[in-house]
Amino acid sequence: MQVQEGYADFQGHQTWYRVTGELASGRLPLVVAHGGPGCTHDYVDSFKDLAEHGWPVVHYDQLGNGRSTHLRGIDPGFWTVELFLDELNNLLRHLGIGQYVLLGQSWGGMLAAEHGVRQPAGLRGLIIANSPASMALWREAAAGLRAELPLEVQATLARHEAAGTTDSPEYRAASQVFYARHVCRVQPLPAEVARTFAAIDADPTVYHAMNGPTEFHVIGRLRDWSVIERLARIQVPTLLISGRHDEATPACVEPFDRLIPDVRWRIFENSSHMPHVEEREACMATVAIFLAEVEGR
């Protein structure tokens, strides 16, 4: 299998990318946008499996993360949805990709929805995986899931959030109870998932600026984000993916299903936030069926 890695210049910085398969093959490329904001491509690496069926798969690390340029200490206002949309468009131009399917996982799915509502000419299909249609829905879901945690865990989380000590080992340990239920139920974490979490710990610049200290304590720039009122503008076939135990609960995903004109939704019964890890084979098969459908149109 051909693998190409490189960098795309972007606003004086560099975006790292990897292409698995051959962009010149004539097959429809799958471009994968990771979550966070502030994660890396590692934990969504499994989507490269689809290259075995002929579809070129493009992974990249968003600016500030992974192998792309890091910008520690920059004004938090630098990090915007528009910045990451511009970076995605720049990467597509750099690679000479004319037509493509965009898959976004978690925050990446929010970015994919923002890309889709702008109706770019080359977009043939969208895959929105484990993503909320608004952060108000996400925060409401998180509150409900937190209320199901053991009482002592809830108390620890609340105490440290009120005190501003969310970097304490006690808070992190309590957070892991939520993560093991609703982020990745495969324990211990697979190596590729652990690499992403380690990368966030090493440089949480983007994650803290746009999200906050944890998945369920959202105090960053995305706190009031919503795409709900614009979803009808998405005019390409769209696949929704979520897990039965997902922190992106059905209520978070429902507006996508209700408002995107051409949509289908698959819920993975034994997964939380990472069906591509938790039910890898079934998830890849679902995406492959969708890609074949889009490519056949």
C-alpha atoms as a PDB file:
ATOM      1  CA  MET A   1       0.000   0.000   0.000  1.00  0.00           C
ATOM      2  CA  GLN A   2       1.405   3.369  -1.026  1.00  0.00           C
ATOM      3  CA  VAL A   3       1.823   5.853   1.832  1.00  0.00           C
ATOM      4  CA  GLN A   4       2.831   9.484   1.298  1.00  0.00           C
ATOM      5  CA  GLU A   5       3.538  11.977   4.076  1.00  0.00           C
ATOM      6  CA  GLY A   6       4.260  15.681   3.784  1.00  0.00           C
ATOM      7  CA  TYR A   7       3.476  19.214   4.873  1.00  0.00           C
ATOM      8  CA  ALA A   8       1.203  21.881   3.428  1.00  0.00           C
ATOM      9  CA  ASP A   9       2.230  25.491   4.052  1.00  0.00           C
ATOM     10  CA  PHE A  10      -0.564  27.373   5.778  1.00  0.00           C
ATOM     11  CA  GLN A  11      -0.431  30.992   6.940  1.00  0.00           C
ATOM     12  CA  GLY A  12       3.272  30.762   7.660  1.00  0.00           C
ATOM     13  CA  HIS A  13       2.853  27.445   9.470  1.00  0.00           C
ATOM     14  CA  GLN A  14       2.734  23.803   8.387  1.00  0.00           C
ATOM     15  CA  THR A  15      -0.031  21.204   8.313  1.00  0.00           C
ATOM     16  CA  TRP A  16       1.209  17.626   8.416  1.00  0.00           C
ATOM     17  CA  TYR A  17      -0.686  15.089   6.286  1.00  0.00           C
ATOM     18  CA  ARG A  18      -0.542  11.444   5.253  1.00  0.00           C
ATOM     19  CA  VAL A  19      -2.172   9.827   2.215  1.00  0.00           C
ATOM     20  CA  THR A  20      -2.758   6.075   2.348  1.00  0.00           C
ATOM     21  CA  GLY A  21      -3.402   4.800  -1.164  1.00  0.00           C
ATOM     22  CA  GLU A  22      -3.119   6.662  -4.441  1.00  0.00           C
ATOM     23  CA  LEU A  23      -4.874   9.967  -5.064  1.00  0.00           C
ATOM     24  CA  ALA A  24      -4.275   9.450  -8.798  1.00  0.00           C
ATOM     25  CA  SER A  25      -6.212   6.174  -8.793  1.00  0.00           C
ATOM     26  CA  GLY A  26      -9.455   7.817  -9.873  1.00  0.00           C
ATOM     27  CA  ARG A  27     -11.255   6.627  -6.750  1.00  0.00           C
ATOM     28  CA  LEU A  28     -13.025   9.086  -4.452  1.00  0.00           C
ATOM     29  CA  PRO A  29     -10.694  10.198  -1.616  1.00  0.00           C
ATOM     30  CA  LEU A  30     -11.801  10.095   2.007  1.00  0.00           C
ATOM     31  CA  VAL A  31     -10.465  13.057   3.998  1.00  0.00           C
ATOM     32  CA  VAL A  32     -10.481  12.528   7.780  1.00  0.00           C
ATOM     33  CA  ALA A  33     -10.747  15.443  10.240  1.00  0.00           C
ATOM     34  CA  HIS A  34      -9.908  14.505  13.829  1.00  0.00           C
ATOM     35  CA  GLY A  35     -11.607  15.762  16.954  1.00  0.00           C
ATOM     36  CA  GLY A  36     -10.725  17.804  19.995  1.00  0.00           C
ATOM     37  CA  PRO A  37     -10.253  20.501  19.020  1.00  0.00           C
ATOM     38  CA  GLY A  38      -6.724  19.613  20.035  1.00  0.00           C
ATOM     39  CA  CYS A  39      -6.499  15.889  19.300  1.00  0.00           C
ATOM     40  CA  THR A  40      -4.262  14.259  16.690  1.00  0.00           C
ATOM     41  CA  HIS A  41      -4.851  11.907  13.797  1.00  0.00           C
ATOM     42  CA  ASP A  42      -3.629   8.885  15.798  1.00  0.00           C
ATOM     43  CA  TYR A  43      -6.922   7.859  17.414  1.00  0.00           C
ATOM     44  CA  VAL A  44      -8.776   7.946  14.052  1.00  0.00           C
ATOM     45  CA  ASP A  45      -5.953   6.101  12.287  1.00  0.00           C
ATOM     46  CA  SER A  46      -8.175   3.050  11.751  1.00  0.00           C
ATOM     47  CA  PHE A  47      -9.976   4.728   8.847  1.00  0.00           C
ATOM     48  CA  LYS A  48      -6.900   3.959   6.756  1.00  0.00           C
ATOM     49  CA  ASP A  49      -8.398   0.436   6.574  1.00  0.00           C
ATOM     50  CA  LEU A  50     -10.637   1.764   3.798  1.00  0.00           C
ATOM     51  CA  ALA A  51      -7.620   2.229   1.533  1.00  0.00           C
ATOM     52  CA  GLU A  52      -7.498  -1.553   1.294  1.00  0.00           C
ATOM     53  CA  HIS A  53     -10.741  -1.287  -0.689  1.00  0.00           C
ATOM     54  CA  GLY A  54      -9.295   1.270  -3.093  1.00  0.00           C
ATOM     55  CA  TRP A  55     -10.319   4.579  -1.561  1.00  0.00           C
ATOM     56  CA  PRO A  56      -7.368   6.898  -0.863  1.00  0.00           C
ATOM     57  CA  VAL A  57      -7.515   8.057   2.762  1.00  0.00           C
ATOM     58  CA  VAL A  58      -6.106  11.407   3.857  1.00  0.00           C
ATOM     59  CA  HIS A  59      -5.274  12.009   7.519  1.00  0.00           C
ATOM     60  CA  TYR A  60      -3.887  15.268   8.834  1.00  0.00           C
ATOM     61  CA  ASP A  61      -3.030  16.914  12.124  1.00  0.00           C
ATOM     62  CA  GLN A  62      -4.835  20.211  12.525  1.00  0.00           C
ATOM     63  CA  LEU A  63      -2.735  23.278  13.247  1.00  0.00           C
ATOM     64  CA  GLY A  64      -1.428  23.373  16.810  1.00  0.00           C
ATOM     65  CA  ASN A  65      -1.500  19.594  17.161  1.00  0.00           C
ATOM     66  CA  GLY A  66       0.474  16.442  16.482  1.00  0.00           C
ATOM     67  CA  ARG A  67       3.091  16.819  13.772  1.00  0.00           C
ATOM     68  CA  SER A  68       1.760  20.165  12.557  1.00  0.00           C
ATOM     69  CA  THR A  69       3.096  23.511  13.809  1.00  0.00           C
ATOM     70  CA  HIS A  70       2.481  24.103  17.517  1.00  0.00           C
ATOM     71  CA  LEU A  71       1.668  27.608  18.744  1.00  0.00           C
ATOM     72  CA  ARG A  72       1.982  27.519  22.511  1.00  0.00           C
ATOM     73  CA  GLY A  73       1.302  30.835  24.196  1.00  0.00           C
ATOM     74  CA  ILE A  74      -0.559  32.410  21.281  1.00  0.00           C
ATOM     75  CA  ASP A  75      -3.645  34.533  22.033  1.00  0.00           C
ATOM     76  CA  PRO A  76      -6.582  32.107  22.520  1.00  0.00           C
ATOM     77  CA  GLY A  77      -8.569  34.273  20.125  1.00  0.00           C
ATOM     78  CA  PHE A  78      -6.398  32.919  17.301  1.00  0.00           C
ATOM     79  CA  TRP A  79      -8.243  29.601  17.398  1.00  0.00           C
ATOM     80  CA  THR A  80     -11.517  29.838  15.451  1.00  0.00           C
ATOM     81  CA  VAL A  81     -13.770  27.634  13.358  1.00  0.00           C
ATOM     82  CA  GLU A  82     -12.868  29.738  10.317  1.00  0.00           C
ATOM     83  CA  LEU A  83      -9.162  29.077  10.876  1.00  0.00           C
ATOM     84  CA  PHE A  84      -9.679  25.324  10.714  1.00  0.00           C
ATOM     85  CA  LEU A  85     -12.006  25.609   7.710  1.00  0.00           C
ATOM     86  CA  ASP A  86      -9.325  27.615   5.904  1.00  0.00           C
ATOM     87  CA  GLU A  87      -6.723  25.011   6.841  1.00  0.00           C
ATOM     88  CA  LEU A  88      -8.882  22.192   5.443  1.00  0.00           C
ATOM     89  CA  ASN A  89      -9.463  24.060   2.179  1.00  0.00           C
ATOM     90  CA  ASN A  90      -5.758  24.816   1.927  1.00  0.00           C
ATOM     91  CA  LEU A  91      -4.912  21.123   2.348  1.00  0.00           C
ATOM     92  CA  LEU A  92      -7.385  20.117  -0.367  1.00  0.00           C
ATOM     93  CA  ARG A  93      -5.782  22.613  -2.750  1.00  0.00           C
ATOM     94  CA  HIS A  94      -2.279  21.522  -1.806  1.00  0.00           C
ATOM     95  CA  LEU A  95      -3.083  17.889  -2.574  1.00  0.00           C
ATOM     96  CA  GLY A  96      -4.966  18.760  -5.764  1.00  0.00           C
ATOM     97  CA  ILE A  97      -8.125  17.050  -4.529  1.00  0.00           C
ATOM     98  CA  GLY A  98     -11.090  18.054  -6.684  1.00  0.00           C
ATOM     99  CA  GLN A  99     -13.833  15.721  -5.447  1.00  0.00           C
ATOM    100  CA  TYR A 100     -13.911  14.002  -2.057  1.00  0.00           C
ATOM    101  CA  VAL A 101     -15.889  12.687   0.898  1.00  0.00           C
ATOM    102  CA  LEU A 102     -15.168  14.395   4.221  1.00  0.00           C
ATOM    103  CA  LEU A 103     -15.325  12.398   7.444  1.00  0.00           C
ATOM    104  CA  GLY A 104     -15.180  14.315  10.702  1.00  0.00           C
ATOM    105  CA  GLN A 105     -15.126  12.691  14.135  1.00  0.00           C
ATOM    106  CA  SER A 106     -16.400  14.584  17.220  1.00  0.00           C
ATOM    107  CA  TRP A 107     -15.146  18.181  16.783  1.00  0.00           C
ATOM    108  CA  GLY A 108     -14.072  17.060  13.314  1.00  0.00           C
ATOM    109  CA  GLY A 109     -17.740  16.328  12.555  1.00  0.00           C
ATOM    110  CA  MET A 110     -18.681  19.821  13.695  1.00  0.00           C
ATOM    111  CA  LEU A 111     -16.009  21.131  11.316  1.00  0.00           C
ATOM    112  CA  ALA A 112     -17.341  18.856   8.568  1.00  0.00           C
ATOM    113  CA  ALA A 113     -20.852  20.224   9.062  1.00  0.00           C
ATOM    114  CA  GLU A 114     -19.513  23.792   8.843  1.00  0.00           C
ATOM    115  CA  HIS A 115     -17.718  22.798   5.624  1.00  0.00           C
ATOM    116  CA  GLY A 116     -20.860  21.189   4.244  1.00  0.00           C
ATOM    117  CA  VAL A 117     -23.192  24.129   4.860  1.00  0.00           C
ATOM    118  CA  ARG A 118     -20.872  26.254   2.703  1.00  0.00           C
ATOM    119  CA  GLN A 119     -21.606  23.876  -0.215  1.00  0.00           C
ATOM    120  CA  PRO A 120     -18.056  23.525  -1.611  1.00  0.00           C
ATOM    121  CA  ALA A 121     -18.056  22.429  -5.230  1.00  0.00           C
ATOM    122  CA  GLY A 122     -15.956  19.303  -4.777  1.00  0.00           C
ATOM    123  CA  LEU A 123     -17.748  17.819  -1.764  1.00  0.00           C
ATOM    124  CA  ARG A 124     -19.527  14.585  -2.745  1.00  0.00           C
ATOM    125  CA  GLY A 125     -20.494  13.277   0.682  1.00  0.00           C
ATOM    126  CA  LEU A 126     -20.220  13.880   4.430  1.00  0.00           C
ATOM    127  CA  ILE A 127     -19.668  11.486   7.325  1.00  0.00           C
ATOM    128  CA  ILE A 128     -20.392  13.091  10.704  1.00  0.00           C
ATOM    129  CA  ALA A 129     -19.212  10.742  13.435  1.00  0.00           C
ATOM    130  CA  ASN A 130     -19.987  11.148  17.153  1.00  0.00           C
ATOM    131  CA  SER A 131     -20.688  14.861  16.864  1.00  0.00           C
ATOM    132  CA  PRO A 132     -23.209  17.267  18.374  1.00  0.00           C
ATOM    133  CA  ALA A 133     -25.224  19.703  16.278  1.00  0.00           C
ATOM    134  CA  SER A 134     -24.780  22.299  19.012  1.00  0.00           C
ATOM    135  CA  MET A 135     -22.691  22.678  22.132  1.00  0.00           C
ATOM    136  CA  ALA A 136     -25.808  23.509  24.131  1.00  0.00           C
ATOM    137  CA  LEU A 137     -27.026  19.979  23.370  1.00  0.00           C
ATOM    138  CA  TRP A 138     -23.574  18.594  24.184  1.00  0.00           C
ATOM    139  CA  ARG A 139     -23.441  20.366  27.548  1.00  0.00           C
ATOM    140  CA  GLU A 140     -26.966  19.209  28.391  1.00  0.00           C
ATOM    141  CA  ALA A 141     -26.041  15.624  27.500  1.00  0.00           C
ATOM    142  CA  ALA A 142     -22.847  15.816  29.554  1.00  0.00           C
ATOM    143  CA  ALA A 143     -24.794  17.012  32.574  1.00  0.00           C
ATOM    144  CA  GLY A 144     -27.160  14.077  32.261  1.00  0.00           C
ATOM    145  CA  LEU A 145     -24.345  11.551  31.914  1.00  0.00           C
ATOM    146  CA  ARG A 146     -22.462  13.087  34.852  1.00  0.00           C
ATOM    147  CA  ALA A 147     -25.569  12.680  36.998  1.00  0.00           C
ATOM    148  CA  GLU A 148     -25.310   8.905  36.446  1.00  0.00           C
ATOM    149  CA  LEU A 149     -21.739   8.718  37.785  1.00  0.00           C
ATOM    150  CA  PRO A 150     -21.070   7.554  41.361  1.00  0.00           C
ATOM    151  CA  LEU A 151     -21.895  10.318  43.832  1.00  0.00           C
ATOM    152  CA  GLU A 152     -18.337  10.605  45.090  1.00  0.00           C
ATOM    153  CA  VAL A 153     -17.076  11.063  41.511  1.00  0.00           C
ATOM    154  CA  GLN A 154     -19.668  13.770  40.870  1.00  0.00           C
ATOM    155  CA  ALA A 155     -18.647  15.562  44.058  1.00  0.00           C
ATOM    156  CA  THR A 156     -14.948  15.446  43.168  1.00  0.00           C
ATOM    157  CA  LEU A 157     -15.570  16.862  39.710  1.00  0.00           C
ATOM    158  CA  ALA A 158     -17.780  19.666  41.005  1.00  0.00           C
ATOM    159  CA  ARG A 159     -15.380  20.587  43.800  1.00  0.00           C
ATOM    160  CA  HIS A 160     -12.361  20.980  41.532  1.00  0.00           C
ATOM    161  CA  GLU A 161     -14.306  22.805  38.821  1.00  0.00           C
ATOM    162  CA  ALA A 162     -15.548  25.322  41.366  1.00  0.00           C
ATOM    163  CA  ALA A 163     -12.020  25.770  42.740  1.00  0.00           C
ATOM    164  CA  GLY A 164     -10.383  26.021  39.317  1.00  0.00           C
ATOM    165  CA  THR A 165      -8.140  23.043  40.115  1.00  0.00           C
ATOM    166  CA  THR A 166      -9.032  20.891  37.123  1.00  0.00           C
ATOM    167  CA  ASP A 167      -5.344  20.085  36.609  1.00  0.00           C
ATOM    168  CA  SER A 168      -5.197  18.139  39.871  1.00  0.00           C
ATOM    169  CA  PRO A 169      -4.556  14.351  39.831  1.00  0.00           C
ATOM    170  CA  GLU A 170      -7.780  13.795  41.797  1.00  0.00           C
ATOM    171  CA  TYR A 171      -9.857  15.596  39.168  1.00  0.00           C
ATOM    172  CA  ARG A 172      -8.148  13.711  36.349  1.00  0.00           C
ATOM    173  CA  ALA A 173      -8.803  10.384  38.058  1.00  0.00           C
ATOM    174  CA  ALA A 174     -12.491  11.224  38.515  1.00  0.00           C
ATOM    175  CA  SER A 175     -12.696  12.312  34.870  1.00  0.00           C
ATOM    176  CA  GLN A 176     -11.455   8.903  33.766  1.00  0.00           C
ATOM    177  CA  VAL A 177     -14.595   7.301  35.195  1.00  0.00           C
ATOM    178  CA  PHE A 178     -16.642   9.332  32.689  1.00  0.00           C
ATOM    179  CA  TYR A 179     -14.179   8.683  29.858  1.00  0.00           C
ATOM    180  CA  ALA A 180     -14.223   4.899  30.364  1.00  0.00           C
ATOM    181  CA  ARG A 181     -18.014   4.920  30.076  1.00  0.00           C
ATOM    182  CA  HIS A 182     -18.642   7.463  27.344  1.00  0.00           C
ATOM    183  CA  VAL A 183     -15.433   8.177  25.371  1.00  0.00           C
ATOM    184  CA  CYS A 184     -13.736   4.807  24.825  1.00  0.00           C
ATOM    185  CA  ARG A 185     -14.993   1.627  26.440  1.00  0.00           C
ATOM    186  CA  VAL A 186     -11.969  -0.397  25.342  1.00  0.00           C
ATOM    187  CA  GLN A 187      -9.792  -0.523  28.454  1.00  0.00           C
ATOM    188  CA  PRO A 188      -6.881  -0.247  28.731  1.00  0.00           C
ATOM    189  CA  LEU A 189      -6.905   2.283  25.939  1.00  0.00           C
ATOM    190  CA  PRO A 190      -5.560   1.087  22.572  1.00  0.00           C
ATOM    191  CA  ALA A 191      -2.121   2.477  21.787  1.00  0.00           C
ATOM    192  CA  GLU A 192      -3.328   4.887  19.112  1.00  0.00           C
ATOM    193  CA  VAL A 193      -5.943   6.385  21.446  1.00  0.00           C
ATOM    194  CA  ALA A 194      -3.435   6.665  24.275  1.00  0.00           C
ATOM    195  CA  ARG A 195      -1.048   8.524  21.938  1.00  0.00           C
ATOM    196  CA  THR A 196      -3.687  11.138  21.224  1.00  0.00           C
ATOM    197  CA  PHE A 197      -4.498  11.678  24.896  1.00  0.00           C
ATOM    198  CA  ALA A 198      -0.773  11.936  25.670  1.00  0.00           C
ATOM    199  CA  ALA A 199      -0.415  14.544  22.925  1.00  0.00           C
ATOM    200  CA  ILE A 200      -3.214  16.644  24.436  1.00  0.00           C
ATOM    201  CA  ASP A 201      -1.546  16.420  27.833  1.00  0.00           C
ATOM    202  CA  ALA A 202       1.770  17.501  26.320  1.00  0.00           C
ATOM    203  CA  ASP A 203       0.266  20.550  24.599  1.00  0.00           C
ATOM    204  CA  PRO A 204      -3.348  21.370  25.524  1.00  0.00           C
ATOM    205  CA  THR A 205      -3.230  24.823  23.886  1.00  0.00           C
ATOM    206  CA  VAL A 206      -5.987  24.254  21.329  1.00  0.00           C
ATOM    207  CA  TYR A 207      -8.127  22.000  23.520  1.00  0.00           C
ATOM    208  CA  HIS A 208      -8.194  24.426  26.427  1.00  0.00           C
ATOM    209  CA  ALA A 209      -8.809  27.476  24.221  1.00  0.00           C
ATOM    210  CA  MET A 210     -11.699  26.014  22.216  1.00  0.00           C
ATOM    211  CA  ASN A 211     -13.190  23.379  24.519  1.00  0.00           C
ATOM    212  CA  GLY A 212     -11.996  23.445  28.131  1.00  0.00           C
ATOM    213  CA  PRO A 213     -10.246  21.135  30.577  1.00  0.00           C
ATOM    214  CA  THR A 214     -12.402  18.041  29.875  1.00  0.00           C
ATOM    215  CA  GLU A 215     -15.013  16.695  27.490  1.00  0.00           C
ATOM    216  CA  PHE A 216     -17.779  17.562  29.930  1.00  0.00           C
ATOM    217  CA  HIS A 217     -16.615  20.936  31.312  1.00  0.00           C
ATOM    218  CA  VAL A 218     -16.908  23.151  28.228  1.00  0.00           C
ATOM    219  CA  ILE A 219     -15.793  26.717  28.943  1.00  0.00           C
ATOM    220  CA  GLY A 220     -13.842  27.502  25.760  1.00  0.00           C
ATOM    221  CA  ARG A 221     -14.667  29.409  22.579  1.00  0.00           C
ATOM    222  CA  LEU A 222     -16.957  26.658  21.269  1.00  0.00           C
ATOM    223  CA  ARG A 223     -19.268  26.821  24.281  1.00  0.00           C
ATOM    224  CA  ASP A 224     -22.134  28.436  22.356  1.00  0.00           C
ATOM    225  CA  TRP A 225     -21.454  26.974  18.897  1.00  0.00           C
ATOM    226  CA  SER A 226     -24.397  25.681  16.848  1.00  0.00           C
ATOM    227  CA  VAL A 227     -24.975  24.640  13.237  1.00  0.00           C
ATOM    228  CA  ILE A 228     -28.621  23.601  13.689  1.00  0.00           C
ATOM    229  CA  GLU A 229     -30.215  26.549  11.915  1.00  0.00           C
ATOM    230  CA  ARG A 230     -27.975  26.002   8.853  1.00  0.00           C
ATOM    231  CA  LEU A 231     -28.165  22.235   8.393  1.00  0.00           C
ATOM    232  CA  ALA A 232     -30.684  22.344   5.535  1.00  0.00           C
ATOM    233  CA  ARG A 233     -27.925  23.871   3.396  1.00  0.00           C
ATOM    234  CA  ILE A 234     -26.061  20.551   3.325  1.00  0.00           C
ATOM    235  CA  GLN A 235     -26.945  19.180  -0.082  1.00  0.00           C
ATOM    236  CA  VAL A 236     -24.787  16.037  -0.258  1.00  0.00           C
ATOM    237  CA  PRO A 237     -25.461  12.507   1.017  1.00  0.00           C
ATOM    238  CA  THR A 238     -24.602  12.347   4.716  1.00  0.00           C
ATOM    239  CA  LEU A 239     -23.864   9.419   7.016  1.00  0.00           C
ATOM    240  CA  LEU A 240     -24.237   9.879  10.770  1.00  0.00           C
ATOM    241  CA  ILE A 241     -22.344   7.602  13.149  1.00  0.00           C
ATOM    242  CA  SER A 242     -22.733   7.368  16.919  1.00  0.00           C
ATOM    243  CA  GLY A 243     -22.452   4.868  19.754  1.00  0.00           C
ATOM    244  CA  ARG A 244     -25.180   3.709  22.091  1.00  0.00           C
ATOM    245  CA  HIS A 245     -23.074   4.843  25.093  1.00  0.00           C
ATOM    246  CA  ASP A 246     -21.702   7.928  23.326  1.00  0.00           C
ATOM    247  CA  GLU A 247     -21.156  11.244  25.049  1.00  0.00           C
ATOM    248  CA  ALA A 248     -22.674  12.538  21.807  1.00  0.00           C
ATOM    249  CA  THR A 249     -26.088  11.224  22.836  1.00  0.00           C
ATOM    250  CA  PRO A 250     -28.967  10.704  20.382  1.00  0.00           C
ATOM    251  CA  ALA A 251     -30.328  14.111  21.400  1.00  0.00           C
ATOM    252  CA  CYS A 252     -27.040  15.690  20.261  1.00  0.00           C
ATOM    253  CA  VAL A 253     -27.195  13.975  16.875  1.00  0.00           C
ATOM    254  CA  GLU A 254     -30.945  14.232  16.198  1.00  0.00           C
ATOM    255  CA  PRO A 255     -30.908  17.674  14.501  1.00  0.00           C
ATOM    256  CA  PHE A 256     -28.532  16.320  11.850  1.00  0.00           C
ATOM    257  CA  ASP A 257     -30.938  13.473  11.165  1.00  0.00           C
ATOM    258  CA  ARG A 258     -33.991  15.726  11.097  1.00  0.00           C
ATOM    259  CA  LEU A 259     -32.655  18.658   9.060  1.00  0.00           C
ATOM    260  CA  ILE A 260     -30.106  17.333   6.541  1.00  0.00           C
ATOM    261  CA  PRO A 261     -32.130  16.399   3.431  1.00  0.00           C
ATOM    262  CA  ASP A 262     -30.229  13.224   2.390  1.00  0.00           C
ATOM    263  CA  VAL A 263     -29.160  11.450   5.563  1.00  0.00           C
ATOM    264  CA  ARG A 264     -28.805   8.028   7.146  1.00  0.00           C
ATOM    265  CA  TRP A 265     -27.825   7.232  10.767  1.00  0.00           C
ATOM    266  CA  ARG A 266     -26.059   4.186  12.219  1.00  0.00           C
ATOM    267  CA  ILE A 267     -25.854   3.706  15.986  1.00  0.00           C
ATOM    268  CA  PHE A 268     -23.279   1.133  17.153  1.00  0.00           C
ATOM    269  CA  GLU A 269     -24.726  -0.741  20.096  1.00  0.00           C
ATOM    270  CA  ASN A 270     -21.451  -1.718  21.779  1.00  0.00           C
ATOM    271  CA  SER A 271     -19.647   1.612  21.387  1.00  0.00           C
ATOM    272  CA  SER A 272     -19.363   4.960  23.060  1.00  0.00           C
ATOM    273  CA  HIS A 273     -17.531   7.855  21.352  1.00  0.00           C
ATOM    274  CA  MET A 274     -15.203   5.760  19.169  1.00  0.00           C
ATOM    275  CA  PRO A 275     -16.984   3.065  17.145  1.00  0.00           C
ATOM    276  CA  HIS A 276     -14.019   3.150  14.749  1.00  0.00           C
ATOM    277  CA  VAL A 277     -12.013   1.678  17.662  1.00  0.00           C
ATOM    278  CA  GLU A 278     -14.666  -0.102  19.725  1.00  0.00           C
ATOM    279  CA  GLU A 279     -16.378  -1.844  16.767  1.00  0.00           C
ATOM    280  CA  ARG A 280     -13.722  -1.260  14.133  1.00  0.00           C
ATOM    281  CA  GLU A 281     -14.692  -3.878  11.569  1.00  0.00           C
ATOM    282  CA  ALA A 282     -18.403  -3.041  11.619  1.00  0.00           C
ATOM    283  CA  CYS A 283     -17.703   0.691  11.497  1.00  0.00           C
ATOM    284  CA  MET A 284     -15.400   0.343   8.480  1.00  0.00           C
ATOM    285  CA  ALA A 285     -17.981  -1.797   6.707  1.00  0.00           C
ATOM    286  CA  THR A 286     -20.638   0.879   7.277  1.00  0.00           C
ATOM    287  CA  VAL A 287     -18.392   3.609   5.909  1.00  0.00           C
ATOM    288  CA  ALA A 288     -17.408   1.443   2.924  1.00  0.00           C
ATOM    289  CA  ILE A 289     -21.059   0.913   1.980  1.00  0.00           C
ATOM    290  CA  PHE A 290     -21.635   4.660   2.128  1.00  0.00           C
ATOM    291  CA  LEU A 291     -18.547   5.465   0.060  1.00  0.00           C
ATOM    292  CA  ALA A 292     -19.632   2.963  -2.594  1.00  0.00           C
ATOM    293  CA  GLU A 293     -23.080   4.548  -2.668  1.00  0.00           C
ATOM    294  CA  VAL A 294     -21.672   8.060  -3.077  1.00  0.00           C
ATOM    295  CA  GLU A 295     -19.113   6.982  -5.672  1.00  0.00           C
ATOM    296  CA  GLY A 296     -21.830   5.239  -7.674  1.00  0.00           C
ATOM    297  CA  ARG A 297     -23.963   8.376  -8.035  1.00  0.00           C
END
